[in-house]
Amino acid sequence: MATLAAVGTAGVPGAGMIMLGTVLVSVGLPIEGIALIMGFLSIVSPICTATNVLGDLAGALFVTKTERKHLKEQEVLIDD
């Protein structure tokens, strides 16, 4: 559950708090535990979002370059 929450909310600023509540409830911990993490998460959340966006950008660039090379080999892509 925690892995799915981390993957699904990393690119959305502030969504981590909602998913944290879901994870806490699903593992049987009290929802009040969010209060302990709120201050820390508000500082770390923008950093996590920026890291996720940069990783997505790097992945998209990699796929673009490899697919462009593949399409050129098949002579489907005419212009550069």
N, C-alpha and C. Protein backbone atom coordinates (compact mmCIF):
# COMPACT_ATOMS: atom_id res chain seq x y z
N MET A 1 0.82 -1.20 0.00
CA MET A 1 0.00 0.00 0.00
C MET A 1 0.87 1.26 0.00
N ALA A 2 1.93 1.25 0.78
CA ALA A 2 2.82 2.42 0.85
C ALA A 2 3.50 2.67 -0.48
N THR A 3 3.88 1.62 -1.18
CA THR A 3 4.54 1.78 -2.48
C THR A 3 3.58 2.38 -3.50
N LEU A 4 2.36 1.90 -3.52
CA LEU A 4 1.37 2.46 -4.44
C LEU A 4 1.10 3.92 -4.12
N ALA A 5 1.03 4.24 -2.85
CA ALA A 5 0.81 5.63 -2.45
C ALA A 5 1.98 6.51 -2.87
N ALA A 6 3.19 6.02 -2.72
CA ALA A 6 4.37 6.79 -3.09
C ALA A 6 4.43 7.03 -4.59
N VAL A 7 4.10 6.03 -5.37
CA VAL A 7 4.14 6.17 -6.82
C VAL A 7 3.04 7.09 -7.31
N GLY A 8 1.87 6.97 -6.73
CA GLY A 8 0.72 7.74 -7.20
C GLY A 8 0.68 9.19 -6.79
N THR A 9 1.36 9.56 -5.74
CA THR A 9 1.23 10.93 -5.24
C THR A 9 2.49 11.76 -5.33
N ALA A 10 3.59 11.20 -5.80
CA ALA A 10 4.85 11.95 -5.81
C ALA A 10 4.78 13.17 -6.71
N GLY A 11 4.04 13.12 -7.78
CA GLY A 11 3.97 14.24 -8.70
C GLY A 11 2.91 15.26 -8.37
N VAL A 12 2.18 15.07 -7.30
CA VAL A 12 1.11 15.99 -6.92
C VAL A 12 1.45 16.63 -5.58
N PRO A 13 1.76 17.92 -5.58
CA PRO A 13 2.12 18.57 -4.31
C PRO A 13 0.96 18.52 -3.32
N GLY A 14 1.23 18.12 -2.10
CA GLY A 14 0.23 18.09 -1.04
C GLY A 14 -0.62 16.83 -0.99
N ALA A 15 -0.54 16.00 -2.00
CA ALA A 15 -1.37 14.79 -2.01
C ALA A 15 -0.81 13.73 -1.07
N GLY A 16 0.42 13.88 -0.67
CA GLY A 16 1.03 12.91 0.24
C GLY A 16 0.31 12.81 1.57
N MET A 17 -0.25 13.91 2.04
CA MET A 17 -0.96 13.91 3.32
C MET A 17 -2.21 13.03 3.25
N ILE A 18 -2.91 13.08 2.15
CA ILE A 18 -4.12 12.25 1.99
C ILE A 18 -3.74 10.78 1.94
N MET A 19 -2.72 10.47 1.15
CA MET A 19 -2.31 9.08 1.03
C MET A 19 -1.69 8.57 2.33
N LEU A 20 -1.03 9.44 3.06
CA LEU A 20 -0.49 9.04 4.35
C LEU A 20 -1.60 8.60 5.29
N GLY A 21 -2.69 9.33 5.31
CA GLY A 21 -3.84 8.94 6.11
C GLY A 21 -4.39 7.58 5.69
N THR A 22 -4.44 7.34 4.40
CA THR A 22 -4.92 6.06 3.88
C THR A 22 -4.01 4.92 4.31
N VAL A 23 -2.71 5.15 4.22
CA VAL A 23 -1.75 4.11 4.60
C VAL A 23 -1.82 3.84 6.10
N LEU A 24 -1.90 4.89 6.91
CA LEU A 24 -1.99 4.70 8.36
C LEU A 24 -3.22 3.89 8.75
N VAL A 25 -4.34 4.21 8.16
CA VAL A 25 -5.58 3.47 8.47
C VAL A 25 -5.47 2.02 8.00
N SER A 26 -4.88 1.80 6.81
CA SER A 26 -4.81 0.45 6.28
C SER A 26 -3.90 -0.47 7.08
N VAL A 27 -2.89 0.09 7.75
CA VAL A 27 -2.01 -0.75 8.58
C VAL A 27 -2.42 -0.77 10.04
N GLY A 28 -3.54 -0.11 10.35
CA GLY A 28 -4.08 -0.17 11.70
C GLY A 28 -3.49 0.84 12.68
N LEU A 29 -2.83 1.87 12.18
CA LEU A 29 -2.28 2.91 13.06
C LEU A 29 -3.29 4.05 13.19
N PRO A 30 -3.23 4.78 14.29
CA PRO A 30 -4.20 5.87 14.47
C PRO A 30 -3.94 7.01 13.47
N ILE A 31 -5.01 7.58 12.97
CA ILE A 31 -4.92 8.66 12.00
C ILE A 31 -4.27 9.90 12.59
N GLU A 32 -4.24 10.01 13.91
CA GLU A 32 -3.63 11.16 14.56
C GLU A 32 -2.12 11.22 14.33
N GLY A 33 -1.54 10.14 13.84
CA GLY A 33 -0.11 10.11 13.54
C GLY A 33 0.29 11.10 12.46
N ILE A 34 -0.69 11.56 11.68
CA ILE A 34 -0.40 12.54 10.64
C ILE A 34 0.13 13.84 11.25
N ALA A 35 -0.37 14.20 12.42
CA ALA A 35 0.05 15.45 13.06
C ALA A 35 1.56 15.46 13.33
N LEU A 36 2.13 14.31 13.58
CA LEU A 36 3.57 14.23 13.82
C LEU A 36 4.40 14.46 12.56
N ILE A 37 3.82 14.17 11.42
CA ILE A 37 4.55 14.20 10.17
C ILE A 37 4.25 15.45 9.34
N MET A 38 3.21 16.19 9.67
CA MET A 38 2.76 17.33 8.86
C MET A 38 3.86 18.37 8.62
N GLY A 39 4.56 18.76 9.67
CA GLY A 39 5.60 19.77 9.52
C GLY A 39 6.72 19.32 8.61
N PHE A 40 7.16 18.11 8.79
CA PHE A 40 8.25 17.56 7.98
C PHE A 40 7.81 17.37 6.53
N LEU A 41 6.62 16.88 6.33
CA LEU A 41 6.14 16.61 4.97
C LEU A 41 5.94 17.89 4.18
N SER A 42 5.55 18.97 4.85
CA SER A 42 5.36 20.23 4.12
C SER A 42 6.68 20.78 3.60
N ILE A 43 7.78 20.44 4.23
CA ILE A 43 9.10 20.87 3.76
C ILE A 43 9.62 19.94 2.66
N VAL A 44 9.39 18.66 2.81
CA VAL A 44 9.94 17.66 1.90
C VAL A 44 9.08 17.49 0.64
N SER A 45 7.81 17.78 0.71
CA SER A 45 6.91 17.55 -0.41
C SER A 45 7.34 18.25 -1.70
N PRO A 46 7.70 19.54 -1.67
CA PRO A 46 8.14 20.17 -2.93
C PRO A 46 9.40 19.54 -3.51
N ILE A 47 10.28 19.08 -2.65
CA ILE A 47 11.50 18.42 -3.13
C ILE A 47 11.16 17.10 -3.80
N CYS A 48 10.26 16.35 -3.21
CA CYS A 48 9.83 15.08 -3.81
C CYS A 48 9.13 15.31 -5.14
N THR A 49 8.31 16.34 -5.21
CA THR A 49 7.61 16.65 -6.46
C THR A 49 8.60 17.03 -7.55
N ALA A 50 9.56 17.87 -7.23
CA ALA A 50 10.56 18.28 -8.22
C ALA A 50 11.38 17.08 -8.70
N THR A 51 11.75 16.21 -7.77
CA THR A 51 12.51 15.02 -8.14
C THR A 51 11.71 14.11 -9.06
N ASN A 52 10.43 13.95 -8.75
CA ASN A 52 9.57 13.11 -9.58
C ASN A 52 9.42 13.68 -10.98
N VAL A 53 9.21 14.99 -11.07
CA VAL A 53 9.03 15.62 -12.37
C VAL A 53 10.31 15.51 -13.20
N LEU A 54 11.47 15.71 -12.58
CA LEU A 54 12.73 15.59 -13.30
C LEU A 54 12.96 14.15 -13.77
N GLY A 55 12.59 13.18 -12.94
CA GLY A 55 12.71 11.77 -13.34
C GLY A 55 11.79 11.44 -14.50
N ASP A 56 10.57 11.96 -14.47
CA ASP A 56 9.64 11.74 -15.58
C ASP A 56 10.16 12.37 -16.86
N LEU A 57 10.75 13.55 -16.74
CA LEU A 57 11.32 14.23 -17.91
C LEU A 57 12.48 13.43 -18.49
N ALA A 58 13.35 12.92 -17.64
CA ALA A 58 14.48 12.12 -18.11
C ALA A 58 13.98 10.86 -18.81
N GLY A 59 12.98 10.22 -18.25
CA GLY A 59 12.42 9.02 -18.87
C GLY A 59 11.78 9.32 -20.22
N ALA A 60 11.06 10.43 -20.30
CA ALA A 60 10.43 10.81 -21.57
C ALA A 60 11.46 11.13 -22.63
N LEU A 61 12.54 11.81 -22.24
CA LEU A 61 13.61 12.11 -23.21
C LEU A 61 14.29 10.84 -23.70
N PHE A 62 14.52 9.90 -22.79
CA PHE A 62 15.14 8.63 -23.18
C PHE A 62 14.27 7.87 -24.18
N VAL A 63 12.98 7.78 -23.89
CA VAL A 63 12.07 7.07 -24.80
C VAL A 63 12.00 7.78 -26.14
N THR A 64 11.97 9.12 -26.13
CA THR A 64 11.93 9.87 -27.38
C THR A 64 13.15 9.59 -28.24
N LYS A 65 14.32 9.61 -27.63
CA LYS A 65 15.55 9.37 -28.40
C LYS A 65 15.61 7.95 -28.94
N THR A 66 15.24 6.97 -28.12
CA THR A 66 15.32 5.59 -28.61
C THR A 66 14.27 5.31 -29.67
N GLU A 67 13.08 5.87 -29.52
CA GLU A 67 12.04 5.64 -30.53
C GLU A 67 12.36 6.38 -31.82
N ARG A 68 12.94 7.57 -31.71
CA ARG A 68 13.33 8.31 -32.92
C ARG A 68 14.37 7.50 -33.71
N LYS A 69 15.34 6.92 -33.00
CA LYS A 69 16.36 6.10 -33.64
C LYS A 69 15.72 4.88 -34.31
N HIS A 70 14.77 4.26 -33.62
CA HIS A 70 14.08 3.08 -34.14
C HIS A 70 13.26 3.44 -35.39
N LEU A 71 12.57 4.57 -35.35
CA LEU A 71 11.76 4.98 -36.49
C LEU A 71 12.62 5.37 -37.68
N LYS A 72 13.79 5.96 -37.43
CA LYS A 72 14.69 6.29 -38.53
C LYS A 72 15.20 5.02 -39.20
N GLU A 73 15.47 3.99 -38.41
CA GLU A 73 15.94 2.72 -38.98
C GLU A 73 14.87 2.10 -39.87
N GLN A 74 13.62 2.29 -39.52
CA GLN A 74 12.54 1.73 -40.32
C GLN A 74 12.08 2.69 -41.42
N GLU A 75 12.73 3.83 -41.51
CA GLU A 75 12.42 4.86 -42.50
C GLU A 75 10.99 5.35 -42.39
N VAL A 76 10.46 5.37 -41.20
CA VAL A 76 9.12 5.91 -40.96
C VAL A 76 9.21 7.40 -40.68
N LEU A 77 10.25 7.80 -39.98
CA LEU A 77 10.45 9.20 -39.63
C LEU A 77 11.29 9.86 -40.71
N ILE A 78 10.73 10.87 -41.36
CA ILE A 78 11.40 11.51 -42.49
C ILE A 78 12.30 12.66 -42.02
N ASP A 79 11.75 13.57 -41.22
CA ASP A 79 12.54 14.71 -40.79
C ASP A 79 13.17 14.46 -39.43
N ASP A 80 14.13 15.28 -39.10
CA ASP A 80 14.84 15.13 -37.83
C ASP A 80 14.21 16.00 -36.86
